[in-house]
Amino acid sequence: MNLRPELPGSLIDSNISLDDMRKALELGRIGQLGFLVADVPDACRHFRERFGIRTWYVPEIHGAKFFHHDEPIEQVFSIAITYFGGYQIEVLSVSGADQSLLGPPPEPGQMVLHHIGCFVRDVETHRRRYQDRNLKEIQHGEFSFARRSKTRFSYFDTASDWGTNLEFIENRFRNRCVHMPHWLIVSASLFGMIEKQRLP
């Protein structure tokens, strides 16, 4: 299996970096790198082989509501997350009638940097702010992966300028904004809310 992260557009230019993107868009700290993949388990194995990452967390998505231009859309997400180099790493695959909204489905063996994610206290505030700046929202929605938790998100199309998309993520536990730190995911796995997988 030869999964190679692909960085389309401007991020492959020598003078462009994630920090350049963060400053230009007036973002806070970038907390997540999201890779769109054809097969989540294969992508996890690639990270194990390439970077030695063995521990992954696989949430079960509940109560998903996804929208494009405020109209409901049909998508099914398969997700695994881990933590590496100060970032949350997310690998995801998408199926369903509206899967193409997130971009062309990767070919088997392909892994594409789909988005960078910023954890925020209020997704709606950031949606309005960046729509006012004439950025195109791809979709938004919400779901839960653990009891008493709710995650809201919004994807913006910044690929033409920066080579990858932008995601705002608001994660709440017991209605408190806690973002998605490593300790929260570990705790959720200890209580059986998220499946912990350790690759051999």
C-alpha atoms as a PDB file:
ATOM      1  CA  MET A   1       0.000   0.000   0.000  1.00  0.00           C
ATOM      2  CA  ASN A   2       1.560   3.281  -1.057  1.00  0.00           C
ATOM      3  CA  LEU A   3      -0.517   6.126   0.323  1.00  0.00           C
ATOM      4  CA  ARG A   4       1.039   9.471  -0.501  1.00  0.00           C
ATOM      5  CA  PRO A   5      -0.404  12.666   0.981  1.00  0.00           C
ATOM      6  CA  GLU A   6      -1.239  14.986  -1.898  1.00  0.00           C
ATOM      7  CA  LEU A   7      -1.304  18.741  -1.422  1.00  0.00           C
ATOM      8  CA  PRO A   8      -3.112  20.253  -4.406  1.00  0.00           C
ATOM      9  CA  GLY A   9      -2.750  23.870  -5.446  1.00  0.00           C
ATOM     10  CA  SER A  10      -0.783  26.535  -3.664  1.00  0.00           C
ATOM     11  CA  LEU A  11       0.328  24.529  -0.634  1.00  0.00           C
ATOM     12  CA  ILE A  12       2.832  22.721  -2.811  1.00  0.00           C
ATOM     13  CA  ASP A  13       4.494  26.031  -3.720  1.00  0.00           C
ATOM     14  CA  SER A  14       7.759  26.547  -1.882  1.00  0.00           C
ATOM     15  CA  ASN A  15       6.755  29.846  -0.289  1.00  0.00           C
ATOM     16  CA  ILE A  16       3.359  28.750   1.049  1.00  0.00           C
ATOM     17  CA  SER A  17       2.811  27.113   4.431  1.00  0.00           C
ATOM     18  CA  LEU A  18      -0.027  26.363   6.801  1.00  0.00           C
ATOM     19  CA  ASP A  19       1.169  29.303   8.867  1.00  0.00           C
ATOM     20  CA  ASP A  20       0.846  31.566   5.807  1.00  0.00           C
ATOM     21  CA  MET A  21      -2.730  30.371   5.391  1.00  0.00           C
ATOM     22  CA  ARG A  22      -3.474  30.899   9.087  1.00  0.00           C
ATOM     23  CA  LYS A  23      -2.199  34.475   9.015  1.00  0.00           C
ATOM     24  CA  ALA A  24      -3.864  35.421   5.725  1.00  0.00           C
ATOM     25  CA  LEU A  25      -7.257  34.167   6.879  1.00  0.00           C
ATOM     26  CA  GLU A  26      -6.814  35.541  10.414  1.00  0.00           C
ATOM     27  CA  LEU A  27      -7.288  32.145  11.974  1.00  0.00           C
ATOM     28  CA  GLY A  28      -6.535  30.962  15.461  1.00  0.00           C
ATOM     29  CA  ARG A  29      -4.361  27.957  16.114  1.00  0.00           C
ATOM     30  CA  ILE A  30      -4.693  25.176  13.581  1.00  0.00           C
ATOM     31  CA  GLY A  31      -5.635  22.070  15.534  1.00  0.00           C
ATOM     32  CA  GLN A  32      -6.536  19.423  12.965  1.00  0.00           C
ATOM     33  CA  LEU A  33      -5.285  18.052   9.661  1.00  0.00           C
ATOM     34  CA  GLY A  34      -8.015  16.163   7.822  1.00  0.00           C
ATOM     35  CA  PHE A  35      -7.205  13.617   5.107  1.00  0.00           C
ATOM     36  CA  LEU A  36      -9.820  12.323   2.690  1.00  0.00           C
ATOM     37  CA  VAL A  37      -9.128   8.665   1.937  1.00  0.00           C
ATOM     38  CA  ALA A  38     -10.654   5.759   0.067  1.00  0.00           C
ATOM     39  CA  ASP A  39     -10.294   3.344   2.980  1.00  0.00           C
ATOM     40  CA  VAL A  40      -9.910   4.398   6.618  1.00  0.00           C
ATOM     41  CA  PRO A  41      -8.220   1.228   7.971  1.00  0.00           C
ATOM     42  CA  ASP A  42      -5.676   1.305   5.113  1.00  0.00           C
ATOM     43  CA  ALA A  43      -4.904   4.954   5.878  1.00  0.00           C
ATOM     44  CA  CYS A  44      -4.364   4.141   9.565  1.00  0.00           C
ATOM     45  CA  ARG A  45      -1.963   1.372   8.598  1.00  0.00           C
ATOM     46  CA  HIS A  46      -0.076   3.815   6.372  1.00  0.00           C
ATOM     47  CA  PHE A  47       0.420   6.232   9.266  1.00  0.00           C
ATOM     48  CA  ARG A  48       1.608   3.288  11.387  1.00  0.00           C
ATOM     49  CA  GLU A  49       4.148   2.234   8.767  1.00  0.00           C
ATOM     50  CA  ARG A  50       5.311   5.752   7.911  1.00  0.00           C
ATOM     51  CA  PHE A  51       5.219   7.524  11.281  1.00  0.00           C
ATOM     52  CA  GLY A  52       4.907   4.755  13.848  1.00  0.00           C
ATOM     53  CA  ILE A  53       1.389   5.829  14.913  1.00  0.00           C
ATOM     54  CA  ARG A  54      -0.337   2.778  16.357  1.00  0.00           C
ATOM     55  CA  THR A  55      -3.182   4.153  18.465  1.00  0.00           C
ATOM     56  CA  TRP A  56      -6.333   5.357  16.734  1.00  0.00           C
ATOM     57  CA  TYR A  57      -9.779   6.294  17.990  1.00  0.00           C
ATOM     58  CA  VAL A  58     -12.841   5.402  15.930  1.00  0.00           C
ATOM     59  CA  PRO A  59     -15.981   7.352  16.863  1.00  0.00           C
ATOM     60  CA  GLU A  60     -19.461   6.150  16.057  1.00  0.00           C
ATOM     61  CA  ILE A  61     -21.411   9.053  14.592  1.00  0.00           C
ATOM     62  CA  HIS A  62     -24.851   9.726  16.078  1.00  0.00           C
ATOM     63  CA  GLY A  63     -27.543  12.275  15.258  1.00  0.00           C
ATOM     64  CA  ALA A  64     -25.809  13.502  12.105  1.00  0.00           C
ATOM     65  CA  LYS A  65     -27.391  16.450  10.310  1.00  0.00           C
ATOM     66  CA  PHE A  66     -25.547  17.778   7.264  1.00  0.00           C
ATOM     67  CA  PHE A  67     -26.540  20.751   5.095  1.00  0.00           C
ATOM     68  CA  HIS A  68     -25.529  22.396   1.823  1.00  0.00           C
ATOM     69  CA  HIS A  69     -26.983  25.891   1.342  1.00  0.00           C
ATOM     70  CA  ASP A  70     -29.178  25.037   4.351  1.00  0.00           C
ATOM     71  CA  GLU A  71     -30.731  22.089   2.476  1.00  0.00           C
ATOM     72  CA  PRO A  72     -30.325  18.607   4.035  1.00  0.00           C
ATOM     73  CA  ILE A  73     -27.818  16.345   2.294  1.00  0.00           C
ATOM     74  CA  GLU A  74     -27.111  12.620   2.477  1.00  0.00           C
ATOM     75  CA  GLN A  75     -23.640  11.627   3.586  1.00  0.00           C
ATOM     76  CA  VAL A  76     -22.178   8.869   5.744  1.00  0.00           C
ATOM     77  CA  PHE A  77     -18.806   9.524   7.360  1.00  0.00           C
ATOM     78  CA  SER A  78     -16.273   6.920   8.437  1.00  0.00           C
ATOM     79  CA  ILE A  79     -13.648   8.535  10.679  1.00  0.00           C
ATOM     80  CA  ALA A  80     -10.563   7.654  12.682  1.00  0.00           C
ATOM     81  CA  ILE A  81      -8.502  10.148  14.659  1.00  0.00           C
ATOM     82  CA  THR A  82      -5.145  10.244  16.391  1.00  0.00           C
ATOM     83  CA  TYR A  83      -2.725  12.844  17.716  1.00  0.00           C
ATOM     84  CA  PHE A  84       0.721  13.544  16.285  1.00  0.00           C
ATOM     85  CA  GLY A  85       3.098  16.487  16.182  1.00  0.00           C
ATOM     86  CA  GLY A  86       0.758  18.804  18.065  1.00  0.00           C
ATOM     87  CA  TYR A  87      -2.167  18.173  15.696  1.00  0.00           C
ATOM     88  CA  GLN A  88      -5.243  16.014  15.706  1.00  0.00           C
ATOM     89  CA  ILE A  89      -5.006  13.833  12.601  1.00  0.00           C
ATOM     90  CA  GLU A  90      -8.317  12.828  11.049  1.00  0.00           C
ATOM     91  CA  VAL A  91      -8.719  10.324   8.242  1.00  0.00           C
ATOM     92  CA  LEU A  92     -12.189  10.159   6.748  1.00  0.00           C
ATOM     93  CA  SER A  93     -14.066   8.544   3.942  1.00  0.00           C
ATOM     94  CA  VAL A  94     -17.478   9.652   2.756  1.00  0.00           C
ATOM     95  CA  SER A  95     -20.290   7.750   1.094  1.00  0.00           C
ATOM     96  CA  GLY A  96     -23.888   8.570   0.263  1.00  0.00           C
ATOM     97  CA  ALA A  97     -25.713  10.426  -2.476  1.00  0.00           C
ATOM     98  CA  ASP A  98     -23.966  13.736  -1.750  1.00  0.00           C
ATOM     99  CA  GLN A  99     -20.440  12.499  -1.065  1.00  0.00           C
ATOM    100  CA  SER A 100     -19.025  14.508  -3.973  1.00  0.00           C
ATOM    101  CA  LEU A 101     -19.595  17.802  -2.146  1.00  0.00           C
ATOM    102  CA  LEU A 102     -16.367  17.129  -0.269  1.00  0.00           C
ATOM    103  CA  GLY A 103     -14.455  16.657  -3.504  1.00  0.00           C
ATOM    104  CA  PRO A 104     -13.696  13.787  -5.867  1.00  0.00           C
ATOM    105  CA  PRO A 105     -13.551  10.454  -4.038  1.00  0.00           C
ATOM    106  CA  PRO A 106      -9.907   9.402  -3.704  1.00  0.00           C
ATOM    107  CA  GLU A 107      -8.687   6.455  -5.710  1.00  0.00           C
ATOM    108  CA  PRO A 108      -7.707   3.329  -3.754  1.00  0.00           C
ATOM    109  CA  GLY A 109      -4.308   3.975  -2.210  1.00  0.00           C
ATOM    110  CA  GLN A 110      -4.669   7.757  -2.413  1.00  0.00           C
ATOM    111  CA  MET A 111      -4.742  10.133   0.543  1.00  0.00           C
ATOM    112  CA  VAL A 112      -5.504  13.833   0.062  1.00  0.00           C
ATOM    113  CA  LEU A 113      -5.114  16.656   2.568  1.00  0.00           C
ATOM    114  CA  HIS A 114      -8.745  17.722   2.448  1.00  0.00           C
ATOM    115  CA  HIS A 115      -8.840  20.418   5.125  1.00  0.00           C
ATOM    116  CA  ILE A 116      -7.156  22.114   8.009  1.00  0.00           C
ATOM    117  CA  GLY A 117      -9.341  22.447  11.078  1.00  0.00           C
ATOM    118  CA  CYS A 118      -9.560  25.238  13.630  1.00  0.00           C
ATOM    119  CA  PHE A 119     -11.345  24.577  16.932  1.00  0.00           C
ATOM    120  CA  VAL A 120     -13.574  27.526  17.816  1.00  0.00           C
ATOM    121  CA  ARG A 121     -16.065  28.457  20.531  1.00  0.00           C
ATOM    122  CA  ASP A 122     -18.906  29.338  18.159  1.00  0.00           C
ATOM    123  CA  VAL A 123     -19.167  27.954  14.630  1.00  0.00           C
ATOM    124  CA  GLU A 124     -22.071  30.238  13.696  1.00  0.00           C
ATOM    125  CA  THR A 125     -20.005  33.353  14.378  1.00  0.00           C
ATOM    126  CA  HIS A 126     -17.247  32.086  12.108  1.00  0.00           C
ATOM    127  CA  ARG A 127     -19.731  31.037   9.414  1.00  0.00           C
ATOM    128  CA  ARG A 128     -21.129  34.554   9.250  1.00  0.00           C
ATOM    129  CA  ARG A 129     -17.699  36.163   9.400  1.00  0.00           C
ATOM    130  CA  TYR A 130     -16.228  34.202   6.529  1.00  0.00           C
ATOM    131  CA  GLN A 131     -19.374  34.327   4.406  1.00  0.00           C
ATOM    132  CA  ASP A 132     -19.168  38.115   4.774  1.00  0.00           C
ATOM    133  CA  ARG A 133     -15.639  37.838   3.403  1.00  0.00           C
ATOM    134  CA  ASN A 134     -17.102  36.129   0.308  1.00  0.00           C
ATOM    135  CA  LEU A 135     -15.699  32.712   1.078  1.00  0.00           C
ATOM    136  CA  LYS A 136     -17.855  29.876  -0.236  1.00  0.00           C
ATOM    137  CA  GLU A 137     -19.201  27.487   2.372  1.00  0.00           C
ATOM    138  CA  ILE A 138     -19.186  23.896   1.154  1.00  0.00           C
ATOM    139  CA  GLN A 139     -21.411  22.486   3.868  1.00  0.00           C
ATOM    140  CA  HIS A 140     -22.115  22.555   7.587  1.00  0.00           C
ATOM    141  CA  GLY A 141     -23.700  20.297  10.136  1.00  0.00           C
ATOM    142  CA  GLU A 142     -23.605  18.649  13.512  1.00  0.00           C
ATOM    143  CA  PHE A 143     -23.267  15.217  15.090  1.00  0.00           C
ATOM    144  CA  SER A 144     -22.450  13.513  18.370  1.00  0.00           C
ATOM    145  CA  PHE A 145     -19.818  10.877  19.011  1.00  0.00           C
ATOM    146  CA  ALA A 146     -20.170  10.535  22.804  1.00  0.00           C
ATOM    147  CA  ARG A 147     -22.903  10.943  25.382  1.00  0.00           C
ATOM    148  CA  ARG A 148     -23.532  14.582  26.288  1.00  0.00           C
ATOM    149  CA  SER A 149     -21.292  15.775  23.467  1.00  0.00           C
ATOM    150  CA  LYS A 150     -22.127  17.693  20.318  1.00  0.00           C
ATOM    151  CA  THR A 151     -19.858  18.689  17.464  1.00  0.00           C
ATOM    152  CA  ARG A 152     -20.781  21.423  14.999  1.00  0.00           C
ATOM    153  CA  PHE A 153     -18.682  22.093  11.917  1.00  0.00           C
ATOM    154  CA  SER A 154     -18.466  24.120   8.740  1.00  0.00           C
ATOM    155  CA  TYR A 155     -16.282  23.562   5.664  1.00  0.00           C
ATOM    156  CA  PHE A 156     -15.199  26.499   3.512  1.00  0.00           C
ATOM    157  CA  ASP A 157     -13.754  26.217   0.017  1.00  0.00           C
ATOM    158  CA  THR A 158     -10.268  27.729   0.195  1.00  0.00           C
ATOM    159  CA  ALA A 159      -8.645  25.136  -2.065  1.00  0.00           C
ATOM    160  CA  SER A 160      -8.264  27.431  -5.071  1.00  0.00           C
ATOM    161  CA  ASP A 161      -6.180  29.871  -3.010  1.00  0.00           C
ATOM    162  CA  TRP A 162      -4.463  27.617  -0.495  1.00  0.00           C
ATOM    163  CA  GLY A 163      -4.660  24.125  -1.913  1.00  0.00           C
ATOM    164  CA  THR A 164      -6.855  22.775   0.855  1.00  0.00           C
ATOM    165  CA  ASN A 165     -10.166  23.554   2.529  1.00  0.00           C
ATOM    166  CA  LEU A 166     -10.853  25.193   5.878  1.00  0.00           C
ATOM    167  CA  GLU A 167     -12.979  23.670   8.631  1.00  0.00           C
ATOM    168  CA  PHE A 168     -14.290  25.323  11.769  1.00  0.00           C
ATOM    169  CA  ILE A 169     -15.055  22.884  14.577  1.00  0.00           C
ATOM    170  CA  GLU A 170     -17.047  23.576  17.721  1.00  0.00           C
ATOM    171  CA  ASN A 171     -17.042  20.701  20.183  1.00  0.00           C
ATOM    172  CA  ARG A 172     -19.041  20.777  23.390  1.00  0.00           C
ATOM    173  CA  PHE A 173     -19.269  18.367  26.287  1.00  0.00           C
ATOM    174  CA  ARG A 174     -22.093  18.927  28.782  1.00  0.00           C
ATOM    175  CA  ASN A 175     -22.661  22.171  26.869  1.00  0.00           C
ATOM    176  CA  ARG A 176     -19.172  23.430  27.669  1.00  0.00           C
ATOM    177  CA  CYS A 177     -16.779  24.228  24.867  1.00  0.00           C
ATOM    178  CA  VAL A 178     -13.836  21.866  25.307  1.00  0.00           C
ATOM    179  CA  HIS A 179     -12.629  21.639  21.710  1.00  0.00           C
ATOM    180  CA  MET A 180     -11.336  18.087  21.188  1.00  0.00           C
ATOM    181  CA  PRO A 181      -8.183  17.574  23.278  1.00  0.00           C
ATOM    182  CA  HIS A 182      -6.418  14.247  23.501  1.00  0.00           C
ATOM    183  CA  TRP A 183      -7.570  13.686  27.096  1.00  0.00           C
ATOM    184  CA  LEU A 184     -11.236  13.984  26.116  1.00  0.00           C
ATOM    185  CA  ILE A 185     -10.913  11.333  23.417  1.00  0.00           C
ATOM    186  CA  VAL A 186      -8.967   9.029  25.735  1.00  0.00           C
ATOM    187  CA  SER A 187     -11.620   9.478  28.444  1.00  0.00           C
ATOM    188  CA  ALA A 188     -14.407   8.739  25.966  1.00  0.00           C
ATOM    189  CA  SER A 189     -12.627   5.529  24.968  1.00  0.00           C
ATOM    190  CA  LEU A 190     -12.252   4.461  28.620  1.00  0.00           C
ATOM    191  CA  PHE A 191     -16.014   4.814  29.076  1.00  0.00           C
ATOM    192  CA  GLY A 192     -16.751   2.887  25.892  1.00  0.00           C
ATOM    193  CA  MET A 193     -18.024   5.898  23.929  1.00  0.00           C
ATOM    194  CA  ILE A 194     -15.278   5.671  21.301  1.00  0.00           C
ATOM    195  CA  GLU A 195     -13.498   2.566  20.085  1.00  0.00           C
ATOM    196  CA  LYS A 196      -9.750   2.568  20.719  1.00  0.00           C
ATOM    197  CA  GLN A 197      -7.704   0.584  18.225  1.00  0.00           C
ATOM    198  CA  ARG A 198      -4.034  -0.263  18.615  1.00  0.00           C
ATOM    199  CA  LEU A 199      -2.396  -1.486  15.457  1.00  0.00           C
ATOM    200  CA  PRO A 200       0.184  -4.280  15.688  1.00  0.00           C
END
